[in-house]
Amino acid sequence: MTPEFVLGCIILIIGAIAAGFPREKTYLARLIHLEIPAFGLLLIMLAYDEMLALMTFVGVTAISTFVLVRAIERKEAAR
């Protein structure tokens, strides 16, 4: 096991816990906490293949951030 893989697993687990149980219950804080496990997943993918990892990370992060920001805006507008 490479150091990238081990560090990625640790960050992924800690980030998933942080996203599941945030201190602040705001939507922006939850969005930021979702980026932590995404970075851990990037490190895990980097342990296997760099180009595949970077392309997948950029694509998934762009789409998920767009979807989450739209959901946050709708939730805030409904208040």
C-alpha atoms as a PDB file:
ATOM      1  CA  MET A   1       0.000   0.000   0.000  1.00  0.00           C
ATOM      2  CA  THR A   2       1.316   3.367  -1.003  1.00  0.00           C
ATOM      3  CA  PRO A   3       1.322   6.417   1.275  1.00  0.00           C
ATOM      4  CA  GLU A   4      -1.226   8.141  -0.988  1.00  0.00           C
ATOM      5  CA  PHE A   5      -3.646   5.259  -0.525  1.00  0.00           C
ATOM      6  CA  VAL A   6      -3.307   5.169   3.270  1.00  0.00           C
ATOM      7  CA  LEU A   7      -3.567   8.948   3.636  1.00  0.00           C
ATOM      8  CA  GLY A   8      -6.533   8.997   1.251  1.00  0.00           C
ATOM      9  CA  CYS A   9      -8.376   6.360   3.300  1.00  0.00           C
ATOM     10  CA  ILE A  10      -7.759   8.288   6.518  1.00  0.00           C
ATOM     11  CA  ILE A  11      -8.943  11.588   5.009  1.00  0.00           C
ATOM     12  CA  LEU A  12     -11.948   9.870   3.440  1.00  0.00           C
ATOM     13  CA  ILE A  13     -13.060   8.370   6.754  1.00  0.00           C
ATOM     14  CA  ILE A  14     -12.493  11.578   8.738  1.00  0.00           C
ATOM     15  CA  GLY A  15     -14.202  13.632   6.029  1.00  0.00           C
ATOM     16  CA  ALA A  16     -17.214  11.327   5.927  1.00  0.00           C
ATOM     17  CA  ILE A  17     -17.617  11.660   9.690  1.00  0.00           C
ATOM     18  CA  ALA A  18     -17.243  15.448   9.453  1.00  0.00           C
ATOM     19  CA  ALA A  19     -19.844  15.621   6.674  1.00  0.00           C
ATOM     20  CA  GLY A  20     -22.246  13.374   8.560  1.00  0.00           C
ATOM     21  CA  PHE A  21     -22.047  15.219  11.864  1.00  0.00           C
ATOM     22  CA  PRO A  22     -21.156  18.888  11.183  1.00  0.00           C
ATOM     23  CA  ARG A  23     -20.900  21.389  14.045  1.00  0.00           C
ATOM     24  CA  GLU A  24     -22.628  24.134  12.100  1.00  0.00           C
ATOM     25  CA  LYS A  25     -25.840  23.031  10.463  1.00  0.00           C
ATOM     26  CA  THR A  26     -25.611  25.559   7.635  1.00  0.00           C
ATOM     27  CA  TYR A  27     -25.696  24.377   4.064  1.00  0.00           C
ATOM     28  CA  LEU A  28     -22.449  26.098   3.183  1.00  0.00           C
ATOM     29  CA  ALA A  29     -20.640  24.265   5.992  1.00  0.00           C
ATOM     30  CA  ARG A  30     -22.014  20.947   4.744  1.00  0.00           C
ATOM     31  CA  LEU A  31     -20.852  21.743   1.218  1.00  0.00           C
ATOM     32  CA  ILE A  32     -17.359  22.510   2.487  1.00  0.00           C
ATOM     33  CA  HIS A  33     -17.335  19.323   4.575  1.00  0.00           C
ATOM     34  CA  LEU A  34     -18.191  17.309   1.455  1.00  0.00           C
ATOM     35  CA  GLU A  35     -15.016  18.502  -0.233  1.00  0.00           C
ATOM     36  CA  ILE A  36     -12.852  16.866   2.458  1.00  0.00           C
ATOM     37  CA  PRO A  37     -13.799  13.254   1.608  1.00  0.00           C
ATOM     38  CA  ALA A  38     -13.605  14.142  -2.081  1.00  0.00           C
ATOM     39  CA  PHE A  39      -9.937  15.050  -1.612  1.00  0.00           C
ATOM     40  CA  GLY A  40      -9.374  11.735   0.199  1.00  0.00           C
ATOM     41  CA  LEU A  41     -10.979   9.937  -2.723  1.00  0.00           C
ATOM     42  CA  LEU A  42      -8.642  11.803  -5.067  1.00  0.00           C
ATOM     43  CA  LEU A  43      -5.626  10.533  -3.141  1.00  0.00           C
ATOM     44  CA  ILE A  44      -6.952   6.966  -3.303  1.00  0.00           C
ATOM     45  CA  MET A  45      -7.438   7.279  -7.064  1.00  0.00           C
ATOM     46  CA  LEU A  46      -3.966   8.794  -7.420  1.00  0.00           C
ATOM     47  CA  ALA A  47      -2.532   5.624  -5.910  1.00  0.00           C
ATOM     48  CA  TYR A  48      -3.755   3.738  -8.985  1.00  0.00           C
ATOM     49  CA  ASP A  49      -3.514   6.023 -12.019  1.00  0.00           C
ATOM     50  CA  GLU A  50      -2.805   9.743 -12.074  1.00  0.00           C
ATOM     51  CA  MET A  51      -4.547  10.813 -15.291  1.00  0.00           C
ATOM     52  CA  LEU A  52      -7.679   8.813 -14.583  1.00  0.00           C
ATOM     53  CA  ALA A  53      -7.790  10.183 -11.041  1.00  0.00           C
ATOM     54  CA  LEU A  54      -7.438  13.802 -12.048  1.00  0.00           C
ATOM     55  CA  MET A  55      -9.996  13.632 -14.855  1.00  0.00           C
ATOM     56  CA  THR A  56     -12.515  11.825 -12.657  1.00  0.00           C
ATOM     57  CA  PHE A  57     -11.978  14.177  -9.727  1.00  0.00           C
ATOM     58  CA  VAL A  58     -12.377  17.322 -11.812  1.00  0.00           C
ATOM     59  CA  GLY A  59     -15.494  16.007 -13.544  1.00  0.00           C
ATOM     60  CA  VAL A  60     -17.243  14.709 -10.461  1.00  0.00           C
ATOM     61  CA  THR A  61     -16.344  17.722  -8.325  1.00  0.00           C
ATOM     62  CA  ALA A  62     -17.622  20.171 -10.920  1.00  0.00           C
ATOM     63  CA  ILE A  63     -20.928  18.351 -11.346  1.00  0.00           C
ATOM     64  CA  SER A  64     -21.515  17.656  -7.652  1.00  0.00           C
ATOM     65  CA  THR A  65     -20.675  21.229  -6.628  1.00  0.00           C
ATOM     66  CA  PHE A  66     -23.096  22.583  -9.232  1.00  0.00           C
ATOM     67  CA  VAL A  67     -25.874  20.261  -8.034  1.00  0.00           C
ATOM     68  CA  LEU A  68     -25.257  20.989  -4.345  1.00  0.00           C
ATOM     69  CA  VAL A  69     -25.162  24.756  -4.843  1.00  0.00           C
ATOM     70  CA  ARG A  70     -28.467  24.583  -6.741  1.00  0.00           C
ATOM     71  CA  ALA A  71     -30.000  22.543  -3.922  1.00  0.00           C
ATOM     72  CA  ILE A  72     -28.728  25.016  -1.339  1.00  0.00           C
ATOM     73  CA  GLU A  73     -30.139  27.957  -3.292  1.00  0.00           C
ATOM     74  CA  ARG A  74     -33.557  26.303  -3.557  1.00  0.00           C
ATOM     75  CA  LYS A  75     -33.566  25.451   0.137  1.00  0.00           C
ATOM     76  CA  GLU A  76     -32.644  29.041   1.057  1.00  0.00           C
ATOM     77  CA  ALA A  77     -35.264  30.467  -1.317  1.00  0.00           C
ATOM     78  CA  ALA A  78     -37.964  28.293   0.262  1.00  0.00           C
ATOM     79  CA  ARG A  79     -37.423  29.929   3.668  1.00  0.00           C
END
